[in-house]
PDB file of N, CA and C in Angstrom:
ATOM      1  N   MET A   1       0.840  -1.168   0.000  1.00  0.00           N
ATOM      2  CA  MET A   1       0.000   0.000   0.000  1.00  0.00           C
ATOM      3  C   MET A   1       0.889   1.237   0.000  1.00  0.00           C
ATOM      4  N   SER A   2       0.699   2.094  -0.961  1.00  0.00           N
ATOM      5  CA  SER A   2       1.526   3.294  -1.031  1.00  0.00           C
ATOM      6  C   SER A   2       0.988   4.349  -0.062  1.00  0.00           C
ATOM      7  N   SER A   3       1.780   5.382   0.152  1.00  0.00           N
ATOM      8  CA  SER A   3       1.377   6.424   1.103  1.00  0.00           C
ATOM      9  C   SER A   3       0.149   7.184   0.611  1.00  0.00           C
ATOM     10  N   SER A   4      -0.090   7.218  -0.699  1.00  0.00           N
ATOM     11  CA  SER A   4      -1.256   7.928  -1.221  1.00  0.00           C
ATOM     12  C   SER A   4      -2.545   7.140  -0.987  1.00  0.00           C
ATOM     13  N   GLU A   5      -2.422   5.836  -0.695  1.00  0.00           N
ATOM     14  CA  GLU A   5      -3.608   5.021  -0.473  1.00  0.00           C
ATOM     15  C   GLU A   5      -4.073   5.039   0.980  1.00  0.00           C
ATOM     16  N   HIS A   6      -3.274   5.569   1.882  1.00  0.00           N
ATOM     17  CA  HIS A   6      -3.665   5.647   3.287  1.00  0.00           C
ATOM     18  C   HIS A   6      -4.704   6.752   3.454  1.00  0.00           C
ATOM     19  N   HIS A   7      -5.690   6.489   4.280  1.00  0.00           N
ATOM     20  CA  HIS A   7      -6.648   7.551   4.546  1.00  0.00           C
ATOM     21  C   HIS A   7      -6.185   8.344   5.757  1.00  0.00           C
ATOM     22  N   ALA A   8      -6.641   9.584   5.804  1.00  0.00           N
ATOM     23  CA  ALA A   8      -6.219  10.480   6.882  1.00  0.00           C
ATOM     24  C   ALA A   8      -6.788  10.003   8.212  1.00  0.00           C
ATOM     25  N   HIS A   9      -5.976  10.135   9.240  1.00  0.00           N
ATOM     26  CA  HIS A   9      -6.422   9.788  10.584  1.00  0.00           C
ATOM     27  C   HIS A   9      -6.772  11.072  11.315  1.00  0.00           C
ATOM     28  N   PRO A  10      -7.810  11.022  12.139  1.00  0.00           N
ATOM     29  CA  PRO A  10      -8.184  12.233  12.875  1.00  0.00           C
ATOM     30  C   PRO A  10      -7.117  12.601  13.903  1.00  0.00           C
ATOM     31  N   THR A  11      -7.001  13.888  14.116  1.00  0.00           N
ATOM     32  CA  THR A  11      -6.043  14.380  15.100  1.00  0.00           C
ATOM     33  C   THR A  11      -6.764  14.652  16.419  1.00  0.00           C
ATOM     34  N   GLU A  12      -5.986  14.898  17.451  1.00  0.00           N
ATOM     35  CA  GLU A  12      -6.572  15.243  18.744  1.00  0.00           C
ATOM     36  C   GLU A  12      -7.375  16.537  18.634  1.00  0.00           C
ATOM     37  N   LYS A  13      -6.863  17.472  17.841  1.00  0.00           N
ATOM     38  CA  LYS A  13      -7.571  18.741  17.622  1.00  0.00           C
ATOM     39  C   LYS A  13      -8.950  18.482  17.023  1.00  0.00           C
ATOM     40  N   PHE A  14      -9.057  17.561  16.093  1.00  0.00           N
ATOM     41  CA  PHE A  14     -10.330  17.202  15.470  1.00  0.00           C
ATOM     42  C   PHE A  14     -11.336  16.768  16.536  1.00  0.00           C
ATOM     43  N   TYR A  15     -10.911  15.907  17.457  1.00  0.00           N
ATOM     44  CA  TYR A  15     -11.807  15.423  18.508  1.00  0.00           C
ATOM     45  C   TYR A  15     -12.217  16.546  19.461  1.00  0.00           C
ATOM     46  N   TRP A  16     -11.322  17.482  19.753  1.00  0.00           N
ATOM     47  CA  TRP A  16     -11.670  18.612  20.607  1.00  0.00           C
ATOM     48  C   TRP A  16     -12.690  19.518  19.923  1.00  0.00           C
ATOM     49  N   ILE A  17     -12.555  19.678  18.621  1.00  0.00           N
ATOM     50  CA  ILE A  17     -13.533  20.485  17.872  1.00  0.00           C
ATOM     51  C   ILE A  17     -14.904  19.812  17.913  1.00  0.00           C
ATOM     52  N   ILE A  18     -14.936  18.507  17.700  1.00  0.00           N
ATOM     53  CA  ILE A  18     -16.200  17.769  17.763  1.00  0.00           C
ATOM     54  C   ILE A  18     -16.799  17.882  19.164  1.00  0.00           C
ATOM     55  N   PHE A  19     -15.958  17.743  20.191  1.00  0.00           N
ATOM     56  CA  PHE A  19     -16.423  17.888  21.578  1.00  0.00           C
ATOM     57  C   PHE A  19     -17.059  19.257  21.794  1.00  0.00           C
ATOM     58  N   ALA A  20     -16.401  20.301  21.331  1.00  0.00           N
ATOM     59  CA  ALA A  20     -16.914  21.664  21.514  1.00  0.00           C
ATOM     60  C   ALA A  20     -18.236  21.851  20.778  1.00  0.00           C
ATOM     61  N   LEU A  21     -18.311  21.350  19.556  1.00  0.00           N
ATOM     62  CA  LEU A  21     -19.560  21.455  18.795  1.00  0.00           C
ATOM     63  C   LEU A  21     -20.699  20.714  19.492  1.00  0.00           C
ATOM     64  N   LEU A  22     -20.428  19.513  19.980  1.00  0.00           N
ATOM     65  CA  LEU A  22     -21.455  18.749  20.681  1.00  0.00           C
ATOM     66  C   LEU A  22     -21.889  19.451  21.966  1.00  0.00           C
ATOM     67  N   ALA A  23     -20.945  20.041  22.686  1.00  0.00           N
ATOM     68  CA  ALA A  23     -21.276  20.760  23.917  1.00  0.00           C
ATOM     69  C   ALA A  23     -22.146  21.979  23.624  1.00  0.00           C
ATOM     70  N   VAL A  24     -21.803  22.722  22.585  1.00  0.00           N
ATOM     71  CA  VAL A  24     -22.572  23.914  22.223  1.00  0.00           C
ATOM     72  C   VAL A  24     -23.986  23.519  21.772  1.00  0.00           C
ATOM     73  N   ILE A  25     -24.092  22.501  20.937  1.00  0.00           N
ATOM     74  CA  ILE A  25     -25.411  22.073  20.465  1.00  0.00           C
ATOM     75  C   ILE A  25     -26.254  21.552  21.622  1.00  0.00           C
ATOM     76  N   THR A  26     -25.648  20.810  22.536  1.00  0.00           N
ATOM     77  CA  THR A  26     -26.377  20.310  23.703  1.00  0.00           C
ATOM     78  C   THR A  26     -26.871  21.471  24.566  1.00  0.00           C
ATOM     79  N   ALA A  27     -26.027  22.479  24.766  1.00  0.00           N
ATOM     80  CA  ALA A  27     -26.442  23.661  25.540  1.00  0.00           C
ATOM     81  C   ALA A  27     -27.603  24.373  24.842  1.00  0.00           C
ATOM     82  N   LEU A  28     -27.545  24.464  23.520  1.00  0.00           N
ATOM     83  CA  LEU A  28     -28.647  25.068  22.764  1.00  0.00           C
ATOM     84  C   LEU A  28     -29.933  24.264  22.909  1.00  0.00           C
ATOM     85  N   GLU A  29     -29.814  22.943  22.880  1.00  0.00           N
ATOM     86  CA  GLU A  29     -30.995  22.094  23.052  1.00  0.00           C
ATOM     87  C   GLU A  29     -31.647  22.317  24.416  1.00  0.00           C
ATOM     88  N   VAL A  30     -30.828  22.338  25.463  1.00  0.00           N
ATOM     89  CA  VAL A  30     -31.353  22.544  26.814  1.00  0.00           C
ATOM     90  C   VAL A  30     -31.992  23.932  26.919  1.00  0.00           C
ATOM     91  N   ALA A  31     -31.311  24.954  26.426  1.00  0.00           N
ATOM     92  CA  ALA A  31     -31.850  26.309  26.466  1.00  0.00           C
ATOM     93  C   ALA A  31     -33.163  26.389  25.689  1.00  0.00           C
ATOM     94  N   TRP A  32     -33.201  25.764  24.514  1.00  0.00           N
ATOM     95  CA  TRP A  32     -34.401  25.789  23.672  1.00  0.00           C
ATOM     96  C   TRP A  32     -35.589  25.150  24.396  1.00  0.00           C
ATOM     97  N   SER A  33     -35.331  24.103  25.154  1.00  0.00           N
ATOM     98  CA  SER A  33     -36.423  23.415  25.839  1.00  0.00           C
ATOM     99  C   SER A  33     -37.007  24.257  26.968  1.00  0.00           C
ATOM    100  N   TYR A  34     -36.264  25.256  27.472  1.00  0.00           N
ATOM    101  CA  TYR A  34     -36.743  26.114  28.555  1.00  0.00           C
ATOM    102  C   TYR A  34     -37.358  27.422  28.063  1.00  0.00           C
ATOM    103  N   ILE A  35     -37.372  27.651  26.751  1.00  0.00           N
ATOM    104  CA  ILE A  35     -37.909  28.908  26.220  1.00  0.00           C
ATOM    105  C   ILE A  35     -39.419  29.004  26.439  1.00  0.00           C
ATOM    106  N   GLY A  36     -40.098  27.863  26.465  1.00  0.00           N
ATOM    107  CA  GLY A  36     -41.537  27.876  26.689  1.00  0.00           C
ATOM    108  C   GLY A  36     -42.355  27.688  25.422  1.00  0.00           C
ATOM    109  N   LEU A  37     -41.711  27.301  24.372  1.00  0.00           N
ATOM    110  CA  LEU A  37     -42.424  27.046  23.122  1.00  0.00           C
ATOM    111  C   LEU A  37     -43.146  25.709  23.196  1.00  0.00           C
ATOM    112  N   GLU A  38     -44.136  25.545  22.333  1.00  0.00           N
ATOM    113  CA  GLU A  38     -44.880  24.290  22.277  1.00  0.00           C
ATOM    114  C   GLU A  38     -45.063  23.870  20.828  1.00  0.00           C
ATOM    115  N   GLY A  39     -45.383  22.613  20.648  1.00  0.00           N
ATOM    116  CA  GLY A  39     -45.690  22.077  19.321  1.00  0.00           C
ATOM    117  C   GLY A  39     -44.488  22.068  18.396  1.00  0.00           C
ATOM    118  N   PRO A  40     -44.747  22.282  17.103  1.00  0.00           N
ATOM    119  CA  PRO A  40     -43.668  22.218  16.099  1.00  0.00           C
ATOM    120  C   PRO A  40     -42.549  23.225  16.333  1.00  0.00           C
ATOM    121  N   SER A  41     -42.865  24.396  16.879  1.00  0.00           N
ATOM    122  CA  SER A  41     -41.810  25.391  17.107  1.00  0.00           C
ATOM    123  C   SER A  41     -40.832  24.943  18.190  1.00  0.00           C
ATOM    124  N   LEU A  42     -41.239  24.003  19.031  1.00  0.00           N
ATOM    125  CA  LEU A  42     -40.328  23.410  20.016  1.00  0.00           C
ATOM    126  C   LEU A  42     -39.623  22.194  19.435  1.00  0.00           C
ATOM    127  N   VAL A  43     -40.387  21.333  18.786  1.00  0.00           N
ATOM    128  CA  VAL A  43     -39.880  20.023  18.382  1.00  0.00           C
ATOM    129  C   VAL A  43     -38.970  20.082  17.154  1.00  0.00           C
ATOM    130  N   ILE A  44     -39.342  20.828  16.141  1.00  0.00           N
ATOM    131  CA  ILE A  44     -38.575  20.818  14.882  1.00  0.00           C
ATOM    132  C   ILE A  44     -37.128  21.270  15.088  1.00  0.00           C
ATOM    133  N   PRO A  45     -36.868  22.395  15.766  1.00  0.00           N
ATOM    134  CA  PRO A  45     -35.453  22.758  16.004  1.00  0.00           C
ATOM    135  C   PRO A  45     -34.702  21.711  16.832  1.00  0.00           C
ATOM    136  N   LEU A  46     -35.394  21.095  17.806  1.00  0.00           N
ATOM    137  CA  LEU A  46     -34.734  20.065  18.607  1.00  0.00           C
ATOM    138  C   LEU A  46     -34.385  18.854  17.754  1.00  0.00           C
ATOM    139  N   VAL A  47     -35.263  18.472  16.836  1.00  0.00           N
ATOM    140  CA  VAL A  47     -34.979  17.340  15.945  1.00  0.00           C
ATOM    141  C   VAL A  47     -33.813  17.672  15.025  1.00  0.00           C
ATOM    142  N   VAL A  48     -33.778  18.886  14.509  1.00  0.00           N
ATOM    143  CA  VAL A  48     -32.663  19.296  13.637  1.00  0.00           C
ATOM    144  C   VAL A  48     -31.344  19.231  14.409  1.00  0.00           C
ATOM    145  N   MET A  49     -31.335  19.744  15.637  1.00  0.00           N
ATOM    146  CA  MET A  49     -30.110  19.691  16.445  1.00  0.00           C
ATOM    147  C   MET A  49     -29.723  18.253  16.758  1.00  0.00           C
ATOM    148  N   MET A  50     -30.712  17.394  16.996  1.00  0.00           N
ATOM    149  CA  MET A  50     -30.442  15.987  17.265  1.00  0.00           C
ATOM    150  C   MET A  50     -29.804  15.313  16.054  1.00  0.00           C
ATOM    151  N   VAL A  51     -30.307  15.618  14.864  1.00  0.00           N
ATOM    152  CA  VAL A  51     -29.752  15.014  13.649  1.00  0.00           C
ATOM    153  C   VAL A  51     -28.313  15.477  13.438  1.00  0.00           C
ATOM    154  N   VAL A  52     -28.045  16.749  13.662  1.00  0.00           N
ATOM    155  CA  VAL A  52     -26.674  17.263  13.514  1.00  0.00           C
ATOM    156  C   VAL A  52     -25.740  16.551  14.486  1.00  0.00           C
ATOM    157  N   LYS A  53     -26.169  16.401  15.741  1.00  0.00           N
ATOM    158  CA  LYS A  53     -25.332  15.700  16.722  1.00  0.00           C
ATOM    159  C   LYS A  53     -25.139  14.235  16.335  1.00  0.00           C
ATOM    160  N   PHE A  54     -26.193  13.602  15.842  1.00  0.00           N
ATOM    161  CA  PHE A  54     -26.113  12.212  15.398  1.00  0.00           C
ATOM    162  C   PHE A  54     -25.061  12.056  14.300  1.00  0.00           C
ATOM    163  N   LEU A  55     -25.076  12.961  13.335  1.00  0.00           N
ATOM    164  CA  LEU A  55     -24.105  12.881  12.235  1.00  0.00           C
ATOM    165  C   LEU A  55     -22.690  13.209  12.715  1.00  0.00           C
ATOM    166  N   LEU A  56     -22.553  14.135  13.648  1.00  0.00           N
ATOM    167  CA  LEU A  56     -21.225  14.433  14.197  1.00  0.00           C
ATOM    168  C   LEU A  56     -20.652  13.230  14.930  1.00  0.00           C
ATOM    169  N   VAL A  57     -21.462  12.612  15.775  1.00  0.00           N
ATOM    170  CA  VAL A  57     -20.989  11.449  16.534  1.00  0.00           C
ATOM    171  C   VAL A  57     -20.698  10.289  15.589  1.00  0.00           C
ATOM    172  N   GLY A  58     -21.629  10.009  14.683  1.00  0.00           N
ATOM    173  CA  GLY A  58     -21.421   8.916  13.742  1.00  0.00           C
ATOM    174  C   GLY A  58     -20.211   9.144  12.852  1.00  0.00           C
ATOM    175  N   GLY A  59     -20.072  10.357  12.359  1.00  0.00           N
ATOM    176  CA  GLY A  59     -18.966  10.655  11.460  1.00  0.00           C
ATOM    177  C   GLY A  59     -17.620  10.679  12.141  1.00  0.00           C
ATOM    178  N   ALA A  60     -17.577  11.249  13.335  1.00  0.00           N
ATOM    179  CA  ALA A  60     -16.292  11.412  14.017  1.00  0.00           C
ATOM    180  C   ALA A  60     -15.887  10.170  14.798  1.00  0.00           C
ATOM    181  N   PHE A  61     -16.774   9.675  15.642  1.00  0.00           N
ATOM    182  CA  PHE A  61     -16.379   8.608  16.558  1.00  0.00           C
ATOM    183  C   PHE A  61     -16.526   7.214  15.969  1.00  0.00           C
ATOM    184  N   MET A  62     -17.269   7.098  14.896  1.00  0.00           N
ATOM    185  CA  MET A  62     -17.321   5.823  14.182  1.00  0.00           C
ATOM    186  C   MET A  62     -16.364   5.880  12.982  1.00  0.00           C
ATOM    187  N   HIS A  63     -15.609   6.956  12.886  1.00  0.00           N
ATOM    188  CA  HIS A  63     -14.577   7.161  11.866  1.00  0.00           C
ATOM    189  C   HIS A  63     -15.147   7.144  10.452  1.00  0.00           C
ATOM    190  N   LEU A  64     -16.412   7.531  10.298  1.00  0.00           N
ATOM    191  CA  LEU A  64     -17.014   7.555   8.972  1.00  0.00           C
ATOM    192  C   LEU A  64     -16.488   8.704   8.124  1.00  0.00           C
ATOM    193  N   TYR A  65     -16.054   9.796   8.768  1.00  0.00           N
ATOM    194  CA  TYR A  65     -15.512  10.925   8.010  1.00  0.00           C
ATOM    195  C   TYR A  65     -14.239  10.557   7.270  1.00  0.00           C
ATOM    196  N   HIS A  66     -13.516   9.594   7.779  1.00  0.00           N
ATOM    197  CA  HIS A  66     -12.186   9.313   7.252  1.00  0.00           C
ATOM    198  C   HIS A  66     -12.121   8.003   6.472  1.00  0.00           C
ATOM    199  N   ASP A  67     -13.262   7.383   6.235  1.00  0.00           N
ATOM    200  CA  ASP A  67     -13.294   6.137   5.482  1.00  0.00           C
ATOM    201  C   ASP A  67     -13.942   6.365   4.120  1.00  0.00           C
ATOM    202  N   GLY A  68     -13.638   5.509   3.212  1.00  0.00           N
ATOM    203  CA  GLY A  68     -14.229   5.585   1.880  1.00  0.00           C
ATOM    204  C   GLY A  68     -13.496   6.578   1.004  1.00  0.00           C
ATOM    205  N   LYS A  69     -13.500   6.306  -0.287  1.00  0.00           N
ATOM    206  CA  LYS A  69     -12.769   7.167  -1.215  1.00  0.00           C
ATOM    207  C   LYS A  69     -13.700   8.047  -2.043  1.00  0.00           C
ATOM    208  N   ALA A  70     -14.949   7.640  -2.220  1.00  0.00           N
ATOM    209  CA  ALA A  70     -15.887   8.426  -3.014  1.00  0.00           C
ATOM    210  C   ALA A  70     -16.429   9.585  -2.182  1.00  0.00           C
ATOM    211  N   LEU A  71     -16.919  10.600  -2.838  1.00  0.00           N
ATOM    212  CA  LEU A  71     -17.514  11.777  -2.198  1.00  0.00           C
ATOM    213  C   LEU A  71     -16.580  12.436  -1.194  1.00  0.00           C
ATOM    214  N   GLY A  72     -15.324  12.516  -1.550  1.00  0.00           N
ATOM    215  CA  GLY A  72     -14.358  13.205  -0.693  1.00  0.00           C
ATOM    216  C   GLY A  72     -14.086  12.495   0.614  1.00  0.00           C
ATOM    217  N   GLY A  73     -14.229  11.165   0.650  1.00  0.00           N
ATOM    218  CA  GLY A  73     -13.944  10.412   1.859  1.00  0.00           C
ATOM    219  C   GLY A  73     -15.103  10.350   2.841  1.00  0.00           C
ATOM    220  N   LYS A  74     -16.259  10.813   2.425  1.00  0.00           N
ATOM    221  CA  LYS A  74     -17.394  10.840   3.333  1.00  0.00           C
ATOM    222  C   LYS A  74     -18.524   9.910   2.867  1.00  0.00           C
ATOM    223  N   THR A  75     -18.190   8.895   2.108  1.00  0.00           N
ATOM    224  CA  THR A  75     -19.182   7.971   1.575  1.00  0.00           C
ATOM    225  C   THR A  75     -20.028   7.358   2.682  1.00  0.00           C
ATOM    226  N   PHE A  76     -19.384   6.809   3.688  1.00  0.00           N
ATOM    227  CA  PHE A  76     -20.120   6.132   4.742  1.00  0.00           C
ATOM    228  C   PHE A  76     -20.947   7.110   5.569  1.00  0.00           C
ATOM    229  N   THR A  77     -20.473   8.328   5.725  1.00  0.00           N
ATOM    230  CA  THR A  77     -21.244   9.331   6.452  1.00  0.00           C
ATOM    231  C   THR A  77     -22.546   9.617   5.711  1.00  0.00           C
ATOM    232  N   TRP A  78     -22.466   9.761   4.393  1.00  0.00           N
ATOM    233  CA  TRP A  78     -23.676  10.036   3.608  1.00  0.00           C
ATOM    234  C   TRP A  78     -24.627   8.842   3.631  1.00  0.00           C
ATOM    235  N   VAL A  79     -24.113   7.636   3.594  1.00  0.00           N
ATOM    236  CA  VAL A  79     -24.964   6.444   3.677  1.00  0.00           C
ATOM    237  C   VAL A  79     -25.627   6.379   5.051  1.00  0.00           C
ATOM    238  N   PHE A  80     -24.871   6.672   6.090  1.00  0.00           N
ATOM    239  CA  PHE A  80     -25.382   6.700   7.452  1.00  0.00           C
ATOM    240  C   PHE A  80     -26.494   7.743   7.567  1.00  0.00           C
ATOM    241  N   ALA A  81     -26.259   8.927   7.000  1.00  0.00           N
ATOM    242  CA  ALA A  81     -27.260  10.000   7.028  1.00  0.00           C
ATOM    243  C   ALA A  81     -28.501   9.603   6.249  1.00  0.00           C
ATOM    244  N   ALA A  82     -28.320   8.938   5.121  1.00  0.00           N
ATOM    245  CA  ALA A  82     -29.475   8.502   4.320  1.00  0.00           C
ATOM    246  C   ALA A  82     -30.338   7.525   5.109  1.00  0.00           C
ATOM    247  N   GLY A  83     -29.723   6.637   5.877  1.00  0.00           N
ATOM    248  CA  GLY A  83     -30.479   5.716   6.719  1.00  0.00           C
ATOM    249  C   GLY A  83     -31.283   6.456   7.775  1.00  0.00           C
ATOM    250  N   LEU A  84     -30.695   7.485   8.376  1.00  0.00           N
ATOM    251  CA  LEU A  84     -31.396   8.290   9.364  1.00  0.00           C
ATOM    252  C   LEU A  84     -32.581   9.010   8.723  1.00  0.00           C
ATOM    253  N   VAL A  85     -32.359   9.602   7.577  1.00  0.00           N
ATOM    254  CA  VAL A  85     -33.440  10.314   6.883  1.00  0.00           C
ATOM    255  C   VAL A  85     -34.568   9.350   6.521  1.00  0.00           C
ATOM    256  N   LEU A  86     -34.222   8.186   6.016  1.00  0.00           N
ATOM    257  CA  LEU A  86     -35.242   7.183   5.675  1.00  0.00           C
ATOM    258  C   LEU A  86     -36.052   6.790   6.909  1.00  0.00           C
ATOM    259  N   ALA A  87     -35.385   6.560   8.030  1.00  0.00           N
ATOM    260  CA  ALA A  87     -36.085   6.197   9.267  1.00  0.00           C
ATOM    261  C   ALA A  87     -37.019   7.317   9.710  1.00  0.00           C
ATOM    262  N   MET A  88     -36.581   8.552   9.610  1.00  0.00           N
ATOM    263  CA  MET A  88     -37.428   9.674  10.003  1.00  0.00           C
ATOM    264  C   MET A  88     -38.631   9.824   9.081  1.00  0.00           C
ATOM    265  N   VAL A  89     -38.446   9.611   7.791  1.00  0.00           N
ATOM    266  CA  VAL A  89     -39.557   9.699   6.845  1.00  0.00           C
ATOM    267  C   VAL A  89     -40.590   8.613   7.136  1.00  0.00           C
ATOM    268  N   VAL A  90     -40.135   7.402   7.379  1.00  0.00           N
ATOM    269  CA  VAL A  90     -41.055   6.310   7.715  1.00  0.00           C
ATOM    270  C   VAL A  90     -41.809   6.641   9.001  1.00  0.00           C
ATOM    271  N   PHE A  91     -41.107   7.148  10.009  1.00  0.00           N
ATOM    272  CA  PHE A  91     -41.759   7.528  11.264  1.00  0.00           C
ATOM    273  C   PHE A  91     -42.826   8.586  11.014  1.00  0.00           C
ATOM    274  N   LEU A  92     -42.506   9.607  10.232  1.00  0.00           N
ATOM    275  CA  LEU A  92     -43.465  10.679   9.970  1.00  0.00           C
ATOM    276  C   LEU A  92     -44.678  10.175   9.193  1.00  0.00           C
ATOM    277  N   ILE A  93     -44.472   9.248   8.266  1.00  0.00           N
ATOM    278  CA  ILE A  93     -45.593   8.674   7.520  1.00  0.00           C
ATOM    279  C   ILE A  93     -46.510   7.895   8.454  1.00  0.00           C
ATOM    280  N   VAL A  94     -45.931   7.079   9.314  1.00  0.00           N
ATOM    281  CA  VAL A  94     -46.734   6.307  10.267  1.00  0.00           C
ATOM    282  C   VAL A  94     -47.455   7.249  11.225  1.00  0.00           C
ATOM    283  N   PHE A  95     -46.756   8.259  11.724  1.00  0.00           N
ATOM    284  CA  PHE A  95     -47.373   9.230  12.619  1.00  0.00           C
ATOM    285  C   PHE A  95     -48.531   9.937  11.931  1.00  0.00           C
ATOM    286  N   ALA A  96     -48.333  10.361  10.683  1.00  0.00           N
ATOM    287  CA  ALA A  96     -49.394  11.037   9.929  1.00  0.00           C
ATOM    288  C   ALA A  96     -50.576  10.101   9.693  1.00  0.00           C
ATOM    289  N   ALA A  97     -50.310   8.833   9.453  1.00  0.00           N
ATOM    290  CA  ALA A  97     -51.395   7.875   9.236  1.00  0.00           C
ATOM    291  C   ALA A  97     -52.280   7.766  10.471  1.00  0.00           C
ATOM    292  N   PHE A  98     -51.696   7.757  11.652  1.00  0.00           N
ATOM    293  CA  PHE A  98     -52.490   7.696  12.879  1.00  0.00           C
ATOM    294  C   PHE A  98     -53.172   9.036  13.173  1.00  0.00           C
ATOM    295  N   GLU A  99     -52.488  10.133  12.902  1.00  0.00           N
ATOM    296  CA  GLU A  99     -53.027  11.457  13.206  1.00  0.00           C
ATOM    297  C   GLU A  99     -54.208  11.808  12.296  1.00  0.00           C
ATOM    298  N   PHE A 100     -54.088  11.479  11.031  1.00  0.00           N
ATOM    299  CA  PHE A 100     -55.116  11.876  10.058  1.00  0.00           C
ATOM    300  C   PHE A 100     -55.986  10.712   9.612  1.00  0.00           C
ATOM    301  N   ASN A 101     -55.889   9.569  10.290  1.00  0.00           N
ATOM    302  CA  ASN A 101     -56.698   8.381   9.992  1.00  0.00           C
ATOM    303  C   ASN A 101     -56.670   8.008   8.511  1.00  0.00           C
ATOM    304  N   ILE A 102     -55.482   7.913   7.968  1.00  0.00           N
ATOM    305  CA  ILE A 102     -55.309   7.561   6.554  1.00  0.00           C
ATOM    306  C   ILE A 102     -55.565   6.081   6.356  1.00  0.00           C
TER     307      ILE A 102
END
C-alpha cells in the first residue's frame, strides 16, 4: 500500500472540535427546551439539532468521516445520514397515518 492510499487519521484537535460542537449544540438544546415554546416550534429545532449531533458522533467517533474514497472520503457518512433520513420519513408517515386516519 503506497502512502497515497492511506486515509487520513483524525487528530486530537479534530476530537476537541467535535467535543466543543457537541457541547454547544447540547447547551442550545437545553436552552431551547426552557424557552416555553410548544408544538412544532419546540420540536422541529430540537430534531434538527439531534440530527446534527447524530451525524457528528457517527462521522467522528465511528470514523465515517475518514473512510471511503468516493464523495471526498465521506461515503459512509452520507450512507449513514441517508439511513437516518429514511427512518425519520417512515416515522413521519406512520405518525401522519395515525393522526389523520389515513
